[in-house]
N, C-alpha and C. Protein backbone atom coordinates (compact mmCIF):
# COMPACT_ATOMS: atom_id res chain seq x y z
N MET A 1 -8.33 14.15 -5.93
CA MET A 1 -8.10 14.30 -4.71
C MET A 1 -7.16 15.66 -4.55
N ASN A 2 -7.80 16.41 -3.50
CA ASN A 2 -6.99 17.61 -3.21
C ASN A 2 -5.44 17.62 -2.14
N ILE A 3 -4.65 18.30 -2.39
CA ILE A 3 -3.65 18.39 -1.51
C ILE A 3 -3.77 18.17 -0.05
N VAL A 4 -4.77 18.73 0.63
CA VAL A 4 -5.06 18.49 2.21
C VAL A 4 -5.43 16.93 2.25
N ASP A 5 -6.05 16.21 1.21
CA ASP A 5 -6.69 14.67 1.52
C ASP A 5 -5.50 14.07 1.25
N ILE A 6 -4.63 14.50 0.37
CA ILE A 6 -3.32 13.67 0.24
C ILE A 6 -2.49 13.40 1.24
N SER A 7 -2.32 14.91 2.14
CA SER A 7 -1.58 15.06 3.27
C SER A 7 -2.24 14.14 4.43
N LYS A 8 -3.68 13.86 4.77
CA LYS A 8 -4.17 13.46 6.02
C LYS A 8 -4.16 11.43 5.57
N GLN A 9 -4.12 11.31 4.23
CA GLN A 9 -4.20 9.69 3.88
C GLN A 9 -2.25 9.33 3.96
N ARG A 10 -1.37 10.14 3.83
CA ARG A 10 -0.04 9.37 3.99
C ARG A 10 -0.13 8.98 5.39
N TYR A 11 0.82 8.08 5.52
CA TYR A 11 1.37 7.70 6.47
C TYR A 11 2.39 6.80 6.48
N THR A 12 3.67 6.68 7.59
CA THR A 12 4.70 5.80 8.06
C THR A 12 4.30 4.31 7.70
N THR A 13 4.50 3.45 6.31
CA THR A 13 3.96 2.22 6.49
C THR A 13 5.03 1.30 7.29
N LYS A 14 4.66 0.40 8.27
CA LYS A 14 5.37 -0.38 8.65
C LYS A 14 5.52 -1.52 8.20
N HIS A 15 4.45 -2.12 7.45
CA HIS A 15 4.48 -3.63 6.84
C HIS A 15 4.35 -3.43 5.37
N TYR A 16 4.98 -3.83 4.54
CA TYR A 16 5.08 -4.20 3.07
C TYR A 16 4.78 -5.56 2.53
N ASP A 17 3.60 -5.49 1.36
CA ASP A 17 3.46 -6.64 0.59
C ASP A 17 4.80 -6.92 -0.16
N LYS A 18 5.55 -7.99 0.11
CA LYS A 18 6.31 -8.14 -0.62
C LYS A 18 6.03 -8.76 -2.22
N ASN A 19 5.13 -9.02 -2.41
CA ASN A 19 4.72 -9.75 -3.92
C ASN A 19 4.07 -8.31 -4.70
N LYS A 20 4.25 -7.18 -4.47
CA LYS A 20 3.08 -6.31 -4.95
C LYS A 20 5.17 -5.10 -5.35
N ARG A 21 5.08 -4.99 -6.93
CA ARG A 21 6.20 -4.20 -7.32
C ARG A 21 5.23 -2.66 -7.89
N ILE A 22 6.35 -1.77 -7.81
CA ILE A 22 5.84 -0.63 -8.48
C ILE A 22 6.48 -0.37 -9.91
N PRO A 23 5.05 -0.28 -10.59
CA PRO A 23 5.10 -0.20 -12.05
C PRO A 23 6.55 0.87 -12.57
N ALA A 24 7.14 0.30 -13.63
CA ALA A 24 8.35 1.27 -14.06
C ALA A 24 8.08 2.35 -14.19
N GLU A 25 6.72 3.02 -14.70
CA GLU A 25 6.69 4.23 -15.01
C GLU A 25 6.46 5.00 -13.76
N GLN A 26 5.85 4.71 -12.64
CA GLN A 26 5.31 5.32 -12.15
C GLN A 26 6.93 5.41 -10.95
N LEU A 27 7.89 4.67 -11.07
CA LEU A 27 9.13 4.72 -10.51
C LEU A 27 9.51 5.80 -11.10
N ALA A 28 9.31 6.21 -12.54
CA ALA A 28 10.35 7.23 -13.07
C ALA A 28 9.65 8.32 -12.73
N GLN A 29 8.15 8.46 -12.37
CA GLN A 29 7.59 9.66 -12.11
C GLN A 29 8.35 10.07 -10.97
N LEU A 30 8.62 9.03 -9.59
CA LEU A 30 9.10 9.54 -8.33
C LEU A 30 10.35 10.12 -8.54
N LEU A 31 11.28 9.40 -9.31
CA LEU A 31 12.73 9.46 -9.44
C LEU A 31 12.93 11.07 -10.10
N GLU A 32 11.72 11.60 -10.81
CA GLU A 32 12.07 12.81 -11.59
C GLU A 32 11.34 13.80 -10.82
N VAL A 33 10.31 13.33 -9.33
CA VAL A 33 10.34 14.28 -8.73
C VAL A 33 11.38 15.00 -7.92
N ILE A 34 12.18 13.76 -7.38
CA ILE A 34 13.35 13.98 -6.69
C ILE A 34 14.11 14.80 -7.27
N ARG A 35 14.82 14.77 -8.44
CA ARG A 35 15.53 15.27 -9.53
C ARG A 35 14.79 16.90 -9.73
N ASN A 36 13.58 16.95 -9.55
CA ASN A 36 13.30 18.68 -9.97
C ASN A 36 13.22 18.88 -8.39
N SER A 37 13.60 18.43 -7.57
CA SER A 37 13.42 18.60 -5.98
C SER A 37 14.04 20.40 -6.34
N PRO A 38 13.43 21.25 -5.18
CA PRO A 38 14.40 21.93 -4.94
C PRO A 38 15.85 22.12 -4.20
N THR A 39 16.66 23.17 -4.25
CA THR A 39 17.71 22.89 -3.42
C THR A 39 18.38 24.54 -3.50
N SER A 40 19.05 24.73 -2.07
CA SER A 40 19.59 26.47 -2.08
C SER A 40 20.71 26.59 -3.39
N VAL A 41 20.52 27.63 -3.70
CA VAL A 41 21.28 28.08 -5.23
C VAL A 41 21.37 27.08 -6.21
N ASN A 42 20.85 26.17 -6.16
CA ASN A 42 20.55 25.01 -7.35
C ASN A 42 21.36 24.01 -6.78
N SER A 43 22.30 24.03 -5.66
CA SER A 43 23.28 23.30 -5.41
C SER A 43 23.34 21.97 -5.98
N GLN A 44 22.10 20.69 -5.78
CA GLN A 44 21.95 20.18 -6.36
C GLN A 44 23.16 18.87 -5.82
N PRO A 45 23.14 19.17 -4.36
CA PRO A 45 24.31 18.04 -3.81
C PRO A 45 23.79 16.67 -3.56
N GLY A 46 22.54 16.17 -4.36
CA GLY A 46 22.18 14.58 -3.65
C GLY A 46 22.63 13.67 -5.00
N HIS A 47 23.08 12.59 -4.84
CA HIS A 47 22.98 11.09 -5.37
C HIS A 47 22.26 10.11 -4.57
N PHE A 48 21.70 9.33 -5.62
CA PHE A 48 20.14 8.35 -5.03
C PHE A 48 20.77 6.99 -5.74
N PHE A 49 20.71 6.19 -4.35
CA PHE A 49 20.85 4.85 -4.90
C PHE A 49 19.52 3.59 -5.36
N VAL A 50 19.50 3.47 -6.21
CA VAL A 50 18.05 2.86 -6.28
C VAL A 50 18.09 1.27 -6.02
N ILE A 51 17.51 0.63 -5.50
CA ILE A 51 17.64 -0.64 -4.89
C ILE A 51 16.40 -1.37 -5.26
N ASP A 52 16.53 -2.41 -5.98
CA ASP A 52 15.42 -3.17 -6.56
C ASP A 52 15.24 -4.65 -6.98
N ASN A 53 16.48 -5.27 -5.61
CA ASN A 53 17.01 -6.86 -6.44
C ASN A 53 17.54 -7.32 -4.71
N ASP A 54 17.33 -8.62 -4.77
CA ASP A 54 17.80 -9.43 -3.86
C ASP A 54 19.08 -9.00 -3.08
N GLN A 55 19.92 -9.04 -4.08
CA GLN A 55 21.38 -9.11 -4.20
C GLN A 55 21.98 -7.69 -3.53
N ALA A 56 21.21 -6.56 -4.01
CA ALA A 56 21.38 -5.32 -3.83
C ALA A 56 20.80 -5.01 -2.03
N ARG A 57 19.88 -5.43 -1.69
CA ARG A 57 18.92 -5.84 -0.49
C ARG A 57 20.28 -6.34 0.43
N ALA A 58 20.62 -7.47 0.27
CA ALA A 58 21.43 -8.20 1.16
C ALA A 58 23.08 -7.08 1.33
N LYS A 59 23.22 -6.78 0.13
CA LYS A 59 24.09 -5.68 0.64
C LYS A 59 24.65 -4.89 1.82
N ILE A 60 23.21 -3.93 1.66
CA ILE A 60 22.73 -3.10 2.87
C ILE A 60 22.55 -3.44 3.83
N MET A 61 21.97 -4.45 4.15
CA MET A 61 21.20 -5.15 5.21
C MET A 61 22.11 -5.24 6.16
N PRO A 62 23.75 -5.11 6.16
CA PRO A 62 24.29 -4.95 7.74
C PRO A 62 24.32 -3.50 8.27
N ALA A 63 23.97 -2.66 7.47
CA ALA A 63 23.63 -1.15 7.97
C ALA A 63 22.34 -0.95 8.32
N ILE A 64 21.58 -1.58 7.94
CA ILE A 64 20.05 -1.47 8.50
C ILE A 64 19.62 -2.00 9.96
N MET A 65 19.19 -0.95 10.84
CA MET A 65 18.51 -1.37 12.48
C MET A 65 17.56 -1.84 12.10
N GLU A 66 17.28 -2.91 13.31
CA GLU A 66 15.83 -3.48 12.88
C GLU A 66 14.86 -2.70 13.78
N PRO A 67 13.63 -2.54 13.40
CA PRO A 67 12.75 -3.40 12.85
C PRO A 67 12.84 -3.21 11.45
N ASN A 68 13.62 -1.77 10.45
CA ASN A 68 13.66 -1.33 9.58
C ASN A 68 14.10 -2.86 8.35
N GLN A 69 14.68 -3.79 8.57
CA GLN A 69 15.50 -4.77 7.86
C GLN A 69 14.10 -5.69 7.40
N GLN A 70 13.20 -5.96 7.92
CA GLN A 70 12.20 -6.38 7.57
C GLN A 70 11.67 -5.53 6.48
N ARG A 71 11.43 -4.31 6.76
CA ARG A 71 10.82 -3.39 5.77
C ARG A 71 11.47 -3.24 4.35
N ILE A 72 12.85 -3.21 4.49
CA ILE A 72 13.70 -3.21 3.66
C ILE A 72 13.37 -4.11 2.22
N ALA A 73 13.37 -5.75 3.14
CA ALA A 73 13.09 -6.70 2.76
C ALA A 73 11.70 -6.98 1.93
N ASP A 74 10.78 -6.36 2.61
CA ASP A 74 9.32 -6.69 1.63
C ASP A 74 9.20 -5.83 0.90
N ALA A 75 9.49 -4.25 1.02
CA ALA A 75 9.48 -3.31 0.15
C ALA A 75 9.96 -3.50 -1.42
N SER A 76 8.88 -2.71 -2.19
CA SER A 76 9.37 -3.17 -3.61
C SER A 76 10.31 -2.22 -4.06
N HIS A 77 10.74 -1.04 -3.49
CA HIS A 77 12.15 -0.67 -3.85
C HIS A 77 12.41 0.24 -2.52
N THR A 78 14.10 0.51 -2.66
CA THR A 78 14.76 1.47 -1.08
C THR A 78 15.78 2.32 -2.24
N LEU A 79 15.87 3.57 -1.41
CA LEU A 79 16.25 4.71 -2.11
C LEU A 79 17.34 4.57 -0.65
N ILE A 80 18.80 5.35 -1.13
CA ILE A 80 19.38 5.58 -0.39
C ILE A 80 19.72 6.88 -0.97
N PHE A 81 19.71 8.13 0.32
CA PHE A 81 19.99 9.69 -0.21
C PHE A 81 21.27 9.52 0.28
N CYS A 82 22.08 10.24 -0.60
CA CYS A 82 23.45 10.87 -0.26
C CYS A 82 23.63 11.96 -0.73
N VAL A 83 24.93 12.38 -0.23
CA VAL A 83 25.50 13.67 -0.77
C VAL A 83 26.66 13.94 -1.24
N LYS A 84 26.95 14.65 -2.08
CA LYS A 84 28.57 14.79 -2.66
C LYS A 84 29.21 15.60 -1.03
N SER A 85 30.15 14.94 -0.78
CA SER A 85 31.21 15.59 0.48
C SER A 85 32.62 15.30 -0.12
N PRO A 86 33.55 16.30 -0.29
CA PRO A 86 32.60 17.87 -0.03
C PRO A 86 32.09 18.32 -1.55
N LEU A 87 31.28 19.38 -1.35
CA LEU A 87 31.31 19.96 -3.03
C LEU A 87 32.26 20.02 -3.69
N SER A 88 32.85 19.68 -4.86
CA SER A 88 34.23 19.65 -5.16
C SER A 88 34.23 20.84 -6.52
N GLU A 89 35.00 21.33 -6.64
CA GLU A 89 35.11 22.13 -8.20
C GLU A 89 34.68 21.56 -9.12
N GLN A 90 34.67 20.67 -9.20
CA GLN A 90 34.36 19.80 -10.61
C GLN A 90 32.80 20.31 -10.93
N HIS A 91 32.14 19.85 -9.65
CA HIS A 91 30.53 19.79 -9.79
C HIS A 91 29.95 21.40 -9.86
N LEU A 92 30.64 21.97 -9.06
CA LEU A 92 30.06 23.81 -9.59
C LEU A 92 30.40 23.87 -10.95
N GLN A 93 31.34 23.69 -11.44
CA GLN A 93 31.48 23.75 -12.66
C GLN A 93 30.26 22.62 -13.57
N ASN A 94 30.29 22.12 -13.02
CA ASN A 94 29.51 20.83 -14.03
C ASN A 94 27.77 21.64 -13.86
N LEU A 95 27.50 22.21 -12.70
CA LEU A 95 25.89 22.65 -12.44
C LEU A 95 26.05 23.99 -13.42
N LEU A 96 26.86 24.94 -13.68
CA LEU A 96 27.23 26.18 -14.36
C LEU A 96 26.88 26.00 -15.92
N ALA A 97 27.71 24.33 -16.30
CA ALA A 97 27.84 24.04 -17.50
C ALA A 97 26.20 23.92 -17.95
N GLN A 98 25.60 22.89 -17.04
CA GLN A 98 24.21 22.41 -17.38
C GLN A 98 23.39 23.43 -17.25
N GLU A 99 23.53 24.71 -16.40
CA GLU A 99 22.04 25.68 -16.63
C GLU A 99 22.75 26.44 -17.68
N ASP A 100 23.74 26.68 -18.17
CA ASP A 100 23.86 27.46 -19.68
C ASP A 100 23.72 26.47 -20.53
N LYS A 101 23.54 25.36 -20.61
CA LYS A 101 22.58 24.44 -21.87
C LYS A 101 21.21 24.32 -21.49
N ASP A 102 20.83 24.56 -20.58
CA ASP A 102 19.78 24.47 -20.50
C ASP A 102 19.00 26.00 -20.67
N GLY A 103 19.79 26.73 -20.89
CA GLY A 103 19.23 28.33 -21.49
C GLY A 103 19.15 29.21 -20.33
N ARG A 104 19.80 29.03 -18.85
CA ARG A 104 19.25 29.78 -17.35
C ARG A 104 19.75 31.33 -17.58
N PHE A 105 20.66 31.95 -18.43
CA PHE A 105 21.52 32.73 -19.02
C PHE A 105 21.08 33.44 -20.44
N THR A 106 20.68 34.46 -19.98
CA THR A 106 20.31 36.05 -21.10
C THR A 106 21.74 36.29 -21.27
N SER A 107 23.09 36.24 -20.45
CA SER A 107 24.21 36.97 -20.87
C SER A 107 25.53 36.50 -19.98
N ALA A 108 26.70 36.85 -20.56
CA ALA A 108 27.40 36.18 -19.72
C ALA A 108 27.86 36.79 -18.39
N GLU A 109 26.96 37.60 -18.30
CA GLU A 109 27.31 38.58 -16.84
C GLU A 109 26.27 37.71 -15.86
N ASP A 110 25.08 37.33 -16.49
CA ASP A 110 24.21 36.73 -15.91
C ASP A 110 24.90 35.37 -15.34
N LYS A 111 25.85 34.74 -16.04
CA LYS A 111 25.94 33.50 -16.00
C LYS A 111 27.28 33.74 -14.87
N GLN A 112 27.89 34.58 -14.90
CA GLN A 112 29.07 34.91 -13.93
C GLN A 112 28.50 35.40 -12.54
N MET A 113 27.28 35.73 -12.23
CA MET A 113 26.54 36.41 -11.40
C MET A 113 26.06 35.09 -10.73
N MET A 114 25.87 34.12 -11.42
CA MET A 114 25.27 32.89 -10.43
C MET A 114 25.81 32.42 -10.20
N ASP A 115 27.45 32.14 -10.97
CA ASP A 115 28.28 31.61 -10.16
C ASP A 115 28.97 32.21 -9.15
N GLN A 116 29.22 33.25 -9.21
CA GLN A 116 29.92 34.06 -7.72
C GLN A 116 28.54 33.61 -6.76
N GLY A 117 27.54 34.05 -7.24
CA GLY A 117 26.27 34.05 -6.17
C GLY A 117 26.83 32.34 -5.33
N ARG A 118 26.29 31.58 -6.32
CA ARG A 118 26.19 30.26 -5.61
C ARG A 118 27.74 29.78 -4.93
N ARG A 119 28.73 30.50 -5.47
CA ARG A 119 30.18 29.98 -4.65
C ARG A 119 29.96 30.61 -3.19
N MET A 120 29.49 31.98 -3.11
CA MET A 120 29.23 32.82 -1.94
C MET A 120 28.46 31.65 -0.78
N PHE A 121 27.16 31.51 -1.30
CA PHE A 121 26.30 30.87 -0.26
C PHE A 121 27.15 29.65 -0.21
N VAL A 122 28.22 28.44 -0.92
CA VAL A 122 28.59 27.13 -0.35
C VAL A 122 29.61 27.80 0.51
N GLU A 123 30.41 28.76 0.30
CA GLU A 123 31.48 28.78 1.04
C GLU A 123 30.57 29.34 2.31
N TYR A 124 29.66 30.57 2.44
CA TYR A 124 28.98 30.58 3.84
C TYR A 124 28.46 29.36 4.54
N ASN A 125 28.10 28.70 3.80
CA ASN A 125 28.12 27.07 5.05
C ASN A 125 28.89 26.12 5.02
N SER A 126 29.84 26.33 4.73
CA SER A 126 31.32 25.19 4.72
C SER A 126 32.01 25.58 5.66
N ASN A 127 32.04 25.98 6.63
CA ASN A 127 33.30 26.63 7.78
C ASN A 127 34.07 25.58 8.26
N THR A 128 33.19 24.41 8.37
CA THR A 128 33.93 23.23 8.62
C THR A 128 33.58 21.73 7.64
N PRO A 129 33.90 20.90 7.70
CA PRO A 129 32.98 19.97 6.43
C PRO A 129 31.93 19.92 7.13
N GLN A 130 31.73 19.56 8.38
CA GLN A 130 30.66 18.91 9.43
C GLN A 130 29.74 19.74 8.81
N CYS A 131 29.64 21.44 8.69
CA CYS A 131 28.76 22.37 8.71
C CYS A 131 27.94 22.26 6.88
N GLN A 132 29.37 21.89 5.82
CA GLN A 132 28.89 22.16 4.86
C GLN A 132 27.57 20.71 4.64
N LEU A 133 28.28 19.11 5.39
CA LEU A 133 27.47 18.37 5.10
C LEU A 133 25.94 18.26 5.44
N GLU A 134 25.82 19.06 6.78
CA GLU A 134 24.71 19.30 7.43
C GLU A 134 23.91 20.11 6.38
N TRP A 135 24.54 21.42 5.77
CA TRP A 135 23.55 22.17 4.83
C TRP A 135 23.39 21.21 3.63
N GLU A 136 24.20 20.67 3.34
CA GLU A 136 23.63 19.65 2.02
C GLU A 136 22.56 18.56 2.28
N ALA A 137 22.28 18.23 3.81
CA ALA A 137 21.64 17.22 4.03
C ALA A 137 20.26 17.87 4.03
N LYS A 138 20.18 19.36 4.20
CA LYS A 138 18.82 20.11 4.52
C LYS A 138 18.37 19.66 2.89
N GLN A 139 18.97 19.70 2.35
CA GLN A 139 18.43 19.92 0.66
C GLN A 139 17.57 18.43 0.45
N LEU A 140 18.49 17.39 0.80
CA LEU A 140 17.73 16.17 0.58
C LEU A 140 16.38 16.27 1.75
N TYR A 141 16.09 16.56 2.73
CA TYR A 141 15.24 16.86 3.55
C TYR A 141 13.79 17.61 2.64
N ILE A 142 14.41 18.27 1.56
CA ILE A 142 13.36 18.81 0.98
C ILE A 142 12.76 17.97 -0.21
N ALA A 143 13.69 17.33 -0.59
CA ALA A 143 13.57 16.05 -1.69
C ALA A 143 12.62 15.05 -0.95
N LEU A 144 13.06 14.66 0.09
CA LEU A 144 12.13 13.64 0.54
C LEU A 144 10.94 14.17 1.13
N GLY A 145 10.73 15.43 1.21
CA GLY A 145 9.04 16.03 1.81
C GLY A 145 8.40 15.66 0.36
N GLN A 146 8.88 16.24 -0.94
CA GLN A 146 8.47 16.03 -2.14
C GLN A 146 8.14 14.62 -2.38
N LEU A 147 9.16 14.04 -2.74
CA LEU A 147 8.88 12.07 -2.84
C LEU A 147 7.68 11.52 -1.84
N LEU A 148 7.75 11.79 -0.59
CA LEU A 148 6.63 11.44 0.41
C LEU A 148 5.48 11.57 0.05
N PHE A 149 5.46 13.04 -0.27
CA PHE A 149 3.76 13.49 -0.85
C PHE A 149 3.55 13.03 -2.40
N ALA A 150 4.63 13.13 -3.21
CA ALA A 150 4.27 12.40 -4.40
C ALA A 150 3.87 11.05 -4.66
N ALA A 151 4.35 10.34 -4.21
CA ALA A 151 4.21 8.86 -3.63
C ALA A 151 2.76 8.35 -3.40
N THR A 152 2.43 9.39 -1.90
CA THR A 152 1.06 9.07 -2.00
C THR A 152 -0.04 9.68 -2.36
N ALA A 153 0.38 10.49 -3.85
CA ALA A 153 -0.42 11.18 -4.55
C ALA A 153 -0.96 9.92 -5.88
N ILE A 154 0.19 8.98 -5.89
CA ILE A 154 -0.10 8.17 -6.89
C ILE A 154 -0.11 6.77 -6.43
N GLY A 155 -0.59 6.42 -5.04
CA GLY A 155 -0.93 5.68 -4.50
C GLY A 155 0.21 4.73 -3.87
N VAL A 156 1.75 4.95 -3.55
CA VAL A 156 2.58 4.44 -3.47
C VAL A 156 2.88 4.43 -1.87
N ASP A 157 3.38 3.48 -1.02
CA ASP A 157 3.19 3.68 0.02
C ASP A 157 4.83 4.13 0.89
N SER A 158 4.97 4.46 1.49
CA SER A 158 6.59 5.02 1.63
C SER A 158 7.00 4.77 3.59
N THR A 159 8.37 4.75 3.77
CA THR A 159 8.66 4.68 4.83
C THR A 159 10.42 5.47 4.79
N ALA A 160 10.30 6.86 5.45
CA ALA A 160 11.71 7.49 5.71
C ALA A 160 12.49 6.99 6.85
N MET A 161 13.61 6.91 6.62
CA MET A 161 14.49 5.92 7.51
C MET A 161 15.33 6.64 8.29
N GLU A 162 15.35 7.16 9.53
CA GLU A 162 17.20 7.57 9.79
C GLU A 162 17.61 6.43 10.52
N GLY A 163 17.07 5.65 10.59
CA GLY A 163 17.51 4.26 11.76
C GLY A 163 18.52 3.33 11.11
N PHE A 164 19.58 3.80 10.67
CA PHE A 164 20.41 2.99 10.05
C PHE A 164 22.25 3.69 10.12
N ASP A 165 23.02 2.34 10.13
CA ASP A 165 24.30 2.97 10.44
C ASP A 165 25.31 3.54 9.67
N LYS A 166 25.23 5.01 9.53
CA LYS A 166 25.56 5.80 8.11
C LYS A 166 27.28 5.32 7.89
N ALA A 167 28.01 4.88 8.75
CA ALA A 167 29.20 4.85 8.60
C ALA A 167 28.99 3.56 8.05
N LYS A 168 28.17 2.84 8.32
CA LYS A 168 28.63 1.04 7.51
C LYS A 168 27.84 1.41 6.17
N MET A 169 26.50 1.85 6.06
CA MET A 169 26.49 2.23 4.82
C MET A 169 27.42 2.80 3.95
N ASP A 170 28.26 3.57 4.51
CA ASP A 170 29.09 4.49 3.41
C ASP A 170 30.10 3.53 3.22
N GLU A 171 30.46 2.18 3.98
CA GLU A 171 31.65 1.18 3.90
C GLU A 171 31.11 0.49 2.59
N VAL A 172 29.66 -0.18 2.89
CA VAL A 172 28.91 -1.00 2.19
C VAL A 172 29.07 -0.92 0.38
N LEU A 173 28.50 0.55 0.75
CA LEU A 173 28.59 0.71 -0.67
C LEU A 173 29.30 1.54 -1.23
N ASP A 174 30.90 1.90 -0.44
CA ASP A 174 32.06 2.21 -1.26
C ASP A 174 32.27 4.08 -1.55
N LEU A 175 30.94 4.45 -0.61
CA LEU A 175 30.93 5.86 -0.76
C LEU A 175 32.06 6.79 -0.40
N ASN A 176 32.84 6.63 0.36
CA ASN A 176 34.21 7.24 0.49
C ASN A 176 34.66 7.62 -1.05
N GLN A 177 35.16 6.33 -1.87
CA GLN A 177 35.71 6.65 -2.84
C GLN A 177 35.02 7.37 -4.03
N GLN A 178 33.54 7.57 -3.87
CA GLN A 178 32.91 8.17 -4.84
C GLN A 178 32.79 9.31 -4.33
N GLY A 179 33.17 9.91 -3.03
CA GLY A 179 33.07 11.15 -2.99
C GLY A 179 31.39 11.75 -2.42
N LEU A 180 30.90 10.35 -1.54
CA LEU A 180 29.65 10.54 -1.29
C LEU A 180 29.33 10.17 0.45
N ARG A 181 28.75 10.67 1.14
CA ARG A 181 28.03 10.53 2.50
C ARG A 181 26.53 9.89 2.27
N SER A 182 26.26 8.87 3.30
CA SER A 182 24.78 8.38 3.18
C SER A 182 23.83 9.27 4.36
N VAL A 183 22.66 9.52 3.99
CA VAL A 183 21.88 10.45 4.94
C VAL A 183 20.64 9.96 5.03
N LEU A 184 20.04 9.66 4.41
CA LEU A 184 18.55 9.04 4.44
C LEU A 184 18.37 7.60 3.54
N VAL A 185 17.57 6.85 4.49
CA VAL A 185 17.05 5.78 3.66
C VAL A 185 15.37 5.63 3.59
N VAL A 186 14.56 5.49 2.30
CA VAL A 186 13.17 5.40 2.02
C VAL A 186 12.76 4.41 1.32
N THR A 187 11.79 3.67 1.82
CA THR A 187 11.63 2.69 1.34
C THR A 187 10.13 3.05 0.70
N LEU A 188 9.73 2.18 -0.63
CA LEU A 188 8.61 2.41 -1.27
C LEU A 188 7.82 0.92 -1.56
N GLY A 189 6.48 1.48 -1.88
CA GLY A 189 6.10 0.06 -2.23
C GLY A 189 4.74 0.21 -1.81
N TYR A 190 4.11 -1.07 -1.54
CA TYR A 190 2.73 -1.36 -0.94
C TYR A 190 2.10 -1.87 0.43
N ARG A 191 1.76 -1.55 1.18
CA ARG A 191 1.24 -1.61 2.44
C ARG A 191 0.52 -3.08 2.45
N SER A 192 0.81 -4.08 3.68
CA SER A 192 0.50 -5.50 3.49
C SER A 192 -1.07 -5.27 4.35
N ALA A 193 -1.46 -6.29 4.13
CA ALA A 193 -2.75 -6.48 4.54
C ALA A 193 -3.18 -6.14 6.08
N ASP A 194 -1.90 -6.32 6.63
CA ASP A 194 -2.06 -6.71 8.23
C ASP A 194 -1.44 -5.68 8.79
N ASP A 195 -1.12 -4.52 8.03
CA ASP A 195 -0.30 -3.25 8.42
C ASP A 195 -0.95 -2.24 9.32
N SER A 196 -0.75 -2.67 10.87
CA SER A 196 -2.19 -1.77 11.86
C SER A 196 -1.95 -0.47 11.61
N ASN A 197 -0.74 -0.10 11.14
CA ASN A 197 -0.58 1.60 11.18
C ASN A 197 -1.50 2.51 10.11
N ALA A 198 -1.95 1.63 9.09
CA ALA A 198 -2.76 2.18 8.32
C ALA A 198 -4.20 2.30 8.79
N SER A 199 -4.71 1.53 9.65
CA SER A 199 -5.81 1.90 10.33
C SER A 199 -5.76 3.22 11.72
N ARG A 200 -4.82 3.21 11.87
CA ARG A 200 -4.54 4.07 13.06
C ARG A 200 -4.81 5.30 12.65
N PRO A 201 -6.08 6.44 13.29
CA PRO A 201 -6.08 8.03 12.65
C PRO A 201 -4.74 8.73 13.31
N LYS A 202 -4.75 9.57 12.20
CA LYS A 202 -3.35 10.73 11.97
C LYS A 202 -3.56 11.32 12.92
N SER A 203 -2.18 11.39 14.32
CA SER A 203 -2.69 12.60 15.22
C SER A 203 -1.75 13.61 14.99
N ARG A 204 -2.15 14.73 14.96
CA ARG A 204 -1.34 16.30 14.89
C ARG A 204 -1.79 17.43 15.83
N LEU A 205 -0.76 17.75 16.38
CA LEU A 205 -1.30 19.05 17.42
C LEU A 205 -2.66 20.00 16.65
N PRO A 206 -3.82 20.63 17.31
CA PRO A 206 -4.41 21.24 16.43
C PRO A 206 -3.60 22.69 16.13
N LYS A 207 -4.14 23.26 15.27
CA LYS A 207 -3.40 24.29 14.22
C LYS A 207 -3.63 25.75 15.52
N GLU A 208 -4.25 25.55 16.18
CA GLU A 208 -4.05 26.80 17.11
C GLU A 208 -2.88 26.80 17.68
N GLN A 209 -2.35 25.73 18.16
CA GLN A 209 -1.14 25.31 18.88
C GLN A 209 -0.08 25.30 18.18
N ILE A 210 0.02 25.71 16.90
CA ILE A 210 0.96 25.76 15.51
C ILE A 210 1.39 26.42 14.50
N PHE A 211 0.35 27.39 14.48
CA PHE A 211 0.15 28.51 14.02
C PHE A 211 -0.05 30.10 14.44
N THR A 212 0.73 31.11 13.99
CA THR A 212 0.61 32.11 14.90
C THR A 212 0.29 33.48 13.79
N GLN A 213 -1.15 34.17 13.68
CA GLN A 213 -0.83 35.01 12.71
C GLN A 213 -0.30 36.51 13.31
N LEU A 214 0.47 36.78 12.35
CA LEU A 214 1.02 38.21 12.90
C LEU A 214 0.45 39.23 12.14
């Protein structure tokens, strides 16, 4: 299947088959896609909670708006996308140490330049805590796009959700104590036989209306 076919095939799943589970190997692949997703200045601000059991689903359910609750109840897995708030000095040092360990630098000067450049860009996007939060959230939407595409490529259905109470989610997962804020919820699994959205044709504006060749 080519990439255009994948993009045409992917849709937002409305109803999941609760009896079907994503194989561990495929889930591991999808999590690795998230881990490898690009971020501005390699800031890697994301932290992701993986929910795959009824006890964990019940814990987050008070933060989920209808009708998303049923999707979470039936989906194989639910992911909570969170960002570090704020981006701490410890995180910046940890990034640099990992890059060094992974062989990203050919000299001490390269390492220093990367550190200084990243700090400059973080500061540029951190005029206020809200400004930093919004910048970090943008990085997670890049990961979201990659995840949705990758899931379709291996036959896994998905639903991206903004329909949840972020403050409540932060509360039930005790995110503030962990220096985290919730941004997105994503369900993964397999569509049910009665998922009407699967048979609806994809609707997009024609390319003449959205592309301008300069």
